[in-house]
Amino acid sequence: MLKKILIAFVIIVIAVAGIVFLISRKTAPIPENPSINTTTKTENNPATTTTEITNNTNKLKTFEECVAAGKKVLGEKPNRRCIVNDDLAYIEIETCTAPTGESMSFFDAQRAFERSQCSREGSPDKHYCNETTGTWWIDIVAYRKGCSPACVIDVITKKAEVNWRCTGAQP
């Protein structure tokens, strides 16, 4: 009986300590940030406070802008990340551009793969962009003797079709 009371007491102490820790984190003062200016409006309502962020990192909206701003880039293509700060990073979006200037992201190419006959033939594997023809090529993991299939997605028309890339005579 004494053992059960002691265990219950320990559990209660741990729970209270956890709650105190969580409350102290939520109510801890926010450290001053030199890139944030806080001003008080006195025109209409003297009690109204606004915050202006003067740091240029809030203006970054894309991976390319982040890189141009000289931020740290991690990883290798096609999975690079540009780190703006501890809470924000931009991921590089791989695109394929046709000779006409139109482009398609790899994300859109994957969706075209899934909606087409390609997904019924096998699973997607490695991919690359052929900018000469303006097509994404996504290898398909499938078995057909003497063939190495790929899903070819046209950047302009968004149509996907299987290219079996077979060698030799077919029975």
C-alpha atoms as a PDB file:
ATOM      1  CA  MET A   1       0.000   0.000   0.000  1.00  0.00           C
ATOM      2  CA  LEU A   2       2.827   2.394   0.902  1.00  0.00           C
ATOM      3  CA  LYS A   3       4.541   1.528  -2.398  1.00  0.00           C
ATOM      4  CA  LYS A   4       1.412   2.531  -4.381  1.00  0.00           C
ATOM      5  CA  ILE A   5       1.155   5.845  -2.517  1.00  0.00           C
ATOM      6  CA  LEU A   6       4.837   6.571  -3.184  1.00  0.00           C
ATOM      7  CA  ILE A   7       4.443   5.797  -6.905  1.00  0.00           C
ATOM      8  CA  ALA A   8       1.364   8.025  -7.124  1.00  0.00           C
ATOM      9  CA  PHE A   9       3.246  10.835  -5.358  1.00  0.00           C
ATOM     10  CA  VAL A  10       6.187  10.581  -7.798  1.00  0.00           C
ATOM     11  CA  ILE A  11       3.812  10.668 -10.775  1.00  0.00           C
ATOM     12  CA  ILE A  12       2.063  13.758  -9.422  1.00  0.00           C
ATOM     13  CA  VAL A  13       5.399  15.544  -8.816  1.00  0.00           C
ATOM     14  CA  ILE A  14       6.575  14.774 -12.359  1.00  0.00           C
ATOM     15  CA  ALA A  15       3.262  15.961 -13.832  1.00  0.00           C
ATOM     16  CA  VAL A  16       3.354  19.218 -11.856  1.00  0.00           C
ATOM     17  CA  ALA A  17       6.986  19.821 -12.875  1.00  0.00           C
ATOM     18  CA  GLY A  18       6.035  19.270 -16.532  1.00  0.00           C
ATOM     19  CA  ILE A  19       3.119  21.695 -16.298  1.00  0.00           C
ATOM     20  CA  VAL A  20       5.300  24.337 -14.606  1.00  0.00           C
ATOM     21  CA  PHE A  21       7.921  23.897 -17.333  1.00  0.00           C
ATOM     22  CA  LEU A  22       5.348  24.315 -20.130  1.00  0.00           C
ATOM     23  CA  ILE A  23       3.804  27.374 -18.506  1.00  0.00           C
ATOM     24  CA  SER A  24       7.221  28.978 -17.964  1.00  0.00           C
ATOM     25  CA  ARG A  25       8.097  28.475 -21.648  1.00  0.00           C
ATOM     26  CA  LYS A  26       4.848  30.112 -22.802  1.00  0.00           C
ATOM     27  CA  THR A  27       5.226  33.103 -20.499  1.00  0.00           C
ATOM     28  CA  ALA A  28       8.974  33.606 -20.877  1.00  0.00           C
ATOM     29  CA  PRO A  29       9.857  37.040 -22.239  1.00  0.00           C
ATOM     30  CA  ILE A  30      10.716  37.141 -25.930  1.00  0.00           C
ATOM     31  CA  PRO A  31      14.362  38.097 -26.411  1.00  0.00           C
ATOM     32  CA  GLU A  32      14.988  41.416 -28.129  1.00  0.00           C
ATOM     33  CA  ASN A  33      15.602  41.137 -31.844  1.00  0.00           C
ATOM     34  CA  PRO A  34      17.476  44.056 -33.391  1.00  0.00           C
ATOM     35  CA  SER A  35      15.745  43.440 -36.723  1.00  0.00           C
ATOM     36  CA  ILE A  36      12.281  44.156 -35.244  1.00  0.00           C
ATOM     37  CA  ASN A  37      11.217  47.687 -34.363  1.00  0.00           C
ATOM     38  CA  THR A  38       8.218  48.166 -32.106  1.00  0.00           C
ATOM     39  CA  THR A  39       6.519  51.536 -32.185  1.00  0.00           C
ATOM     40  CA  THR A  40       3.435  52.913 -30.501  1.00  0.00           C
ATOM     41  CA  LYS A  41       0.842  54.807 -32.526  1.00  0.00           C
ATOM     42  CA  THR A  42      -0.381  57.943 -30.869  1.00  0.00           C
ATOM     43  CA  GLU A  43      -2.554  59.379 -33.637  1.00  0.00           C
ATOM     44  CA  ASN A  44      -5.883  57.564 -33.220  1.00  0.00           C
ATOM     45  CA  ASN A  45      -5.367  55.202 -30.333  1.00  0.00           C
ATOM     46  CA  PRO A  46      -2.404  55.656 -27.995  1.00  0.00           C
ATOM     47  CA  ALA A  47      -2.704  52.061 -26.792  1.00  0.00           C
ATOM     48  CA  THR A  48      -2.295  50.525 -30.274  1.00  0.00           C
ATOM     49  CA  THR A  49       1.090  48.939 -30.914  1.00  0.00           C
ATOM     50  CA  THR A  50       2.446  47.861 -34.290  1.00  0.00           C
ATOM     51  CA  THR A  51       5.510  45.872 -35.158  1.00  0.00           C
ATOM     52  CA  GLU A  52       7.591  46.570 -38.207  1.00  0.00           C
ATOM     53  CA  ILE A  53      10.040  43.960 -39.387  1.00  0.00           C
ATOM     54  CA  THR A  54      13.032  45.637 -40.976  1.00  0.00           C
ATOM     55  CA  ASN A  55      15.054  42.523 -41.691  1.00  0.00           C
ATOM     56  CA  ASN A  56      15.277  41.679 -45.412  1.00  0.00           C
ATOM     57  CA  THR A  57      14.737  37.949 -44.791  1.00  0.00           C
ATOM     58  CA  ASN A  58      10.978  38.501 -44.546  1.00  0.00           C
ATOM     59  CA  LYS A  59      11.010  39.637 -48.181  1.00  0.00           C
ATOM     60  CA  LEU A  60      12.412  36.328 -49.458  1.00  0.00           C
ATOM     61  CA  LYS A  61       9.670  34.306 -51.127  1.00  0.00           C
ATOM     62  CA  THR A  62      11.473  31.664 -53.229  1.00  0.00           C
ATOM     63  CA  PHE A  63      14.474  29.356 -53.194  1.00  0.00           C
ATOM     64  CA  GLU A  64      16.138  31.484 -55.871  1.00  0.00           C
ATOM     65  CA  GLU A  65      15.687  34.707 -53.873  1.00  0.00           C
ATOM     66  CA  CYS A  66      17.101  32.986 -50.792  1.00  0.00           C
ATOM     67  CA  VAL A  67      20.215  31.870 -52.707  1.00  0.00           C
ATOM     68  CA  ALA A  68      20.644  35.341 -54.244  1.00  0.00           C
ATOM     69  CA  ALA A  69      20.530  36.825 -50.725  1.00  0.00           C
ATOM     70  CA  GLY A  70      23.558  34.704 -49.831  1.00  0.00           C
ATOM     71  CA  LYS A  71      21.800  32.363 -47.406  1.00  0.00           C
ATOM     72  CA  LYS A  72      23.202  28.906 -46.624  1.00  0.00           C
ATOM     73  CA  VAL A  73      22.299  26.150 -49.121  1.00  0.00           C
ATOM     74  CA  LEU A  74      22.273  22.525 -47.938  1.00  0.00           C
ATOM     75  CA  GLY A  75      22.004  19.287 -49.882  1.00  0.00           C
ATOM     76  CA  GLU A  76      22.494  18.391 -53.503  1.00  0.00           C
ATOM     77  CA  LYS A  77      20.271  18.750 -56.538  1.00  0.00           C
ATOM     78  CA  PRO A  78      17.399  18.035 -56.771  1.00  0.00           C
ATOM     79  CA  ASN A  79      16.850  18.250 -52.990  1.00  0.00           C
ATOM     80  CA  ARG A  80      18.609  21.459 -51.999  1.00  0.00           C
ATOM     81  CA  ARG A  81      17.324  23.672 -49.176  1.00  0.00           C
ATOM     82  CA  CYS A  82      18.124  27.340 -48.620  1.00  0.00           C
ATOM     83  CA  ILE A  83      18.062  28.208 -44.915  1.00  0.00           C
ATOM     84  CA  VAL A  84      16.591  31.636 -44.125  1.00  0.00           C
ATOM     85  CA  ASN A  85      16.579  31.146 -40.339  1.00  0.00           C
ATOM     86  CA  ASP A  86      15.839  28.438 -37.760  1.00  0.00           C
ATOM     87  CA  ASP A  87      12.129  28.469 -38.616  1.00  0.00           C
ATOM     88  CA  LEU A  88      12.207  28.937 -42.397  1.00  0.00           C
ATOM     89  CA  ALA A  89      13.847  27.166 -45.320  1.00  0.00           C
ATOM     90  CA  TYR A  90      12.961  27.091 -49.005  1.00  0.00           C
ATOM     91  CA  ILE A  91      13.175  23.888 -51.003  1.00  0.00           C
ATOM     92  CA  GLU A  92      14.402  23.998 -54.572  1.00  0.00           C
ATOM     93  CA  ILE A  93      11.678  23.143 -57.056  1.00  0.00           C
ATOM     94  CA  GLU A  94      13.132  21.220 -59.939  1.00  0.00           C
ATOM     95  CA  THR A  95      11.726  22.375 -63.283  1.00  0.00           C
ATOM     96  CA  CYS A  96      12.043  21.359 -66.898  1.00  0.00           C
ATOM     97  CA  THR A  97      11.918  24.068 -69.536  1.00  0.00           C
ATOM     98  CA  ALA A  98      10.906  23.453 -73.149  1.00  0.00           C
ATOM     99  CA  PRO A  99      12.613  25.285 -76.037  1.00  0.00           C
ATOM    100  CA  THR A 100       9.498  27.505 -76.218  1.00  0.00           C
ATOM    101  CA  GLY A 101      10.172  28.778 -72.681  1.00  0.00           C
ATOM    102  CA  GLU A 102       7.272  26.941 -71.020  1.00  0.00           C
ATOM    103  CA  SER A 103       8.197  24.971 -67.928  1.00  0.00           C
ATOM    104  CA  MET A 104       6.844  22.240 -65.658  1.00  0.00           C
ATOM    105  CA  SER A 105       7.898  21.414 -62.111  1.00  0.00           C
ATOM    106  CA  PHE A 106       8.830  17.877 -61.210  1.00  0.00           C
ATOM    107  CA  PHE A 107       5.904  17.888 -58.779  1.00  0.00           C
ATOM    108  CA  ASP A 108       3.514  18.476 -61.719  1.00  0.00           C
ATOM    109  CA  ALA A 109       5.312  15.788 -63.730  1.00  0.00           C
ATOM    110  CA  GLN A 110       4.759  13.308 -60.882  1.00  0.00           C
ATOM    111  CA  ARG A 111       1.044  14.155 -60.874  1.00  0.00           C
ATOM    112  CA  ALA A 112       0.890  13.612 -64.649  1.00  0.00           C
ATOM    113  CA  PHE A 113       2.624  10.249 -64.143  1.00  0.00           C
ATOM    114  CA  GLU A 114       0.059   9.190 -61.540  1.00  0.00           C
ATOM    115  CA  ARG A 115      -2.925  10.188 -63.719  1.00  0.00           C
ATOM    116  CA  SER A 116      -1.652   8.384 -66.822  1.00  0.00           C
ATOM    117  CA  GLN A 117      -1.084   4.866 -68.139  1.00  0.00           C
ATOM    118  CA  CYS A 118       2.456   5.165 -66.771  1.00  0.00           C
ATOM    119  CA  SER A 119       1.323   4.475 -63.204  1.00  0.00           C
ATOM    120  CA  ARG A 120      -0.503   1.338 -64.326  1.00  0.00           C
ATOM    121  CA  GLU A 121       2.666  -0.062 -65.912  1.00  0.00           C
ATOM    122  CA  GLY A 122       4.892   0.239 -62.830  1.00  0.00           C
ATOM    123  CA  SER A 123       6.381   2.501 -60.166  1.00  0.00           C
ATOM    124  CA  PRO A 124       8.317   5.718 -60.802  1.00  0.00           C
ATOM    125  CA  ASP A 125      12.080   5.659 -60.398  1.00  0.00           C
ATOM    126  CA  LYS A 126      14.854   8.024 -61.488  1.00  0.00           C
ATOM    127  CA  HIS A 127      13.972  11.073 -63.545  1.00  0.00           C
ATOM    128  CA  TYR A 128      15.579  13.689 -65.751  1.00  0.00           C
ATOM    129  CA  CYS A 129      14.623  16.589 -67.955  1.00  0.00           C
ATOM    130  CA  ASN A 130      15.345  16.642 -71.679  1.00  0.00           C
ATOM    131  CA  GLU A 131      15.282  20.381 -72.415  1.00  0.00           C
ATOM    132  CA  THR A 132      15.946  19.753 -76.115  1.00  0.00           C
ATOM    133  CA  THR A 133      12.565  18.014 -76.471  1.00  0.00           C
ATOM    134  CA  GLY A 134      10.876  19.753 -73.515  1.00  0.00           C
ATOM    135  CA  THR A 135      10.026  16.488 -71.769  1.00  0.00           C
ATOM    136  CA  TRP A 136      10.373  14.906 -68.358  1.00  0.00           C
ATOM    137  CA  TRP A 137      11.557  11.289 -68.460  1.00  0.00           C
ATOM    138  CA  ILE A 138      10.636   9.212 -65.411  1.00  0.00           C
ATOM    139  CA  ASP A 139      11.984   5.656 -65.441  1.00  0.00           C
ATOM    140  CA  ILE A 140       9.374   3.013 -64.666  1.00  0.00           C
ATOM    141  CA  VAL A 141      10.176  -0.003 -62.515  1.00  0.00           C
ATOM    142  CA  ALA A 142       8.477  -2.707 -64.581  1.00  0.00           C
ATOM    143  CA  TYR A 143       9.541  -5.908 -66.245  1.00  0.00           C
ATOM    144  CA  ARG A 144       9.245  -6.612 -69.924  1.00  0.00           C
ATOM    145  CA  LYS A 145      12.067  -8.657 -71.469  1.00  0.00           C
ATOM    146  CA  GLY A 146      14.522  -6.472 -73.378  1.00  0.00           C
ATOM    147  CA  CYS A 147      12.810  -3.211 -72.335  1.00  0.00           C
ATOM    148  CA  SER A 148      13.655  -0.314 -70.059  1.00  0.00           C
ATOM    149  CA  PRO A 149      10.392   1.673 -69.828  1.00  0.00           C
ATOM    150  CA  ALA A 150      10.067   5.362 -69.069  1.00  0.00           C
ATOM    151  CA  CYS A 151       7.157   7.734 -68.758  1.00  0.00           C
ATOM    152  CA  VAL A 152       7.631  10.697 -71.092  1.00  0.00           C
ATOM    153  CA  ILE A 153       5.744  13.835 -70.070  1.00  0.00           C
ATOM    154  CA  ASP A 154       5.520  16.725 -72.511  1.00  0.00           C
ATOM    155  CA  VAL A 155       6.053  20.046 -70.750  1.00  0.00           C
ATOM    156  CA  ILE A 156       3.809  21.963 -73.161  1.00  0.00           C
ATOM    157  CA  THR A 157       0.865  19.567 -73.595  1.00  0.00           C
ATOM    158  CA  LYS A 158       1.188  17.952 -70.115  1.00  0.00           C
ATOM    159  CA  LYS A 159       0.488  14.563 -71.744  1.00  0.00           C
ATOM    160  CA  ALA A 160       2.260  11.454 -70.466  1.00  0.00           C
ATOM    161  CA  GLU A 161       2.940   8.235 -72.344  1.00  0.00           C
ATOM    162  CA  VAL A 162       5.013   5.109 -71.856  1.00  0.00           C
ATOM    163  CA  ASN A 163       8.136   4.719 -73.979  1.00  0.00           C
ATOM    164  CA  TRP A 164       9.150   1.089 -73.608  1.00  0.00           C
ATOM    165  CA  ARG A 165      12.695   1.589 -74.974  1.00  0.00           C
ATOM    166  CA  CYS A 166      12.899  -2.027 -76.109  1.00  0.00           C
ATOM    167  CA  THR A 167      15.877  -3.553 -77.889  1.00  0.00           C
ATOM    168  CA  GLY A 168      15.765  -6.379 -80.401  1.00  0.00           C
ATOM    169  CA  ALA A 169      12.793  -8.097 -82.004  1.00  0.00           C
ATOM    170  CA  GLN A 170       9.670  -8.599 -79.903  1.00  0.00           C
ATOM    171  CA  PRO A 171       7.966 -12.028 -80.011  1.00  0.00           C
END
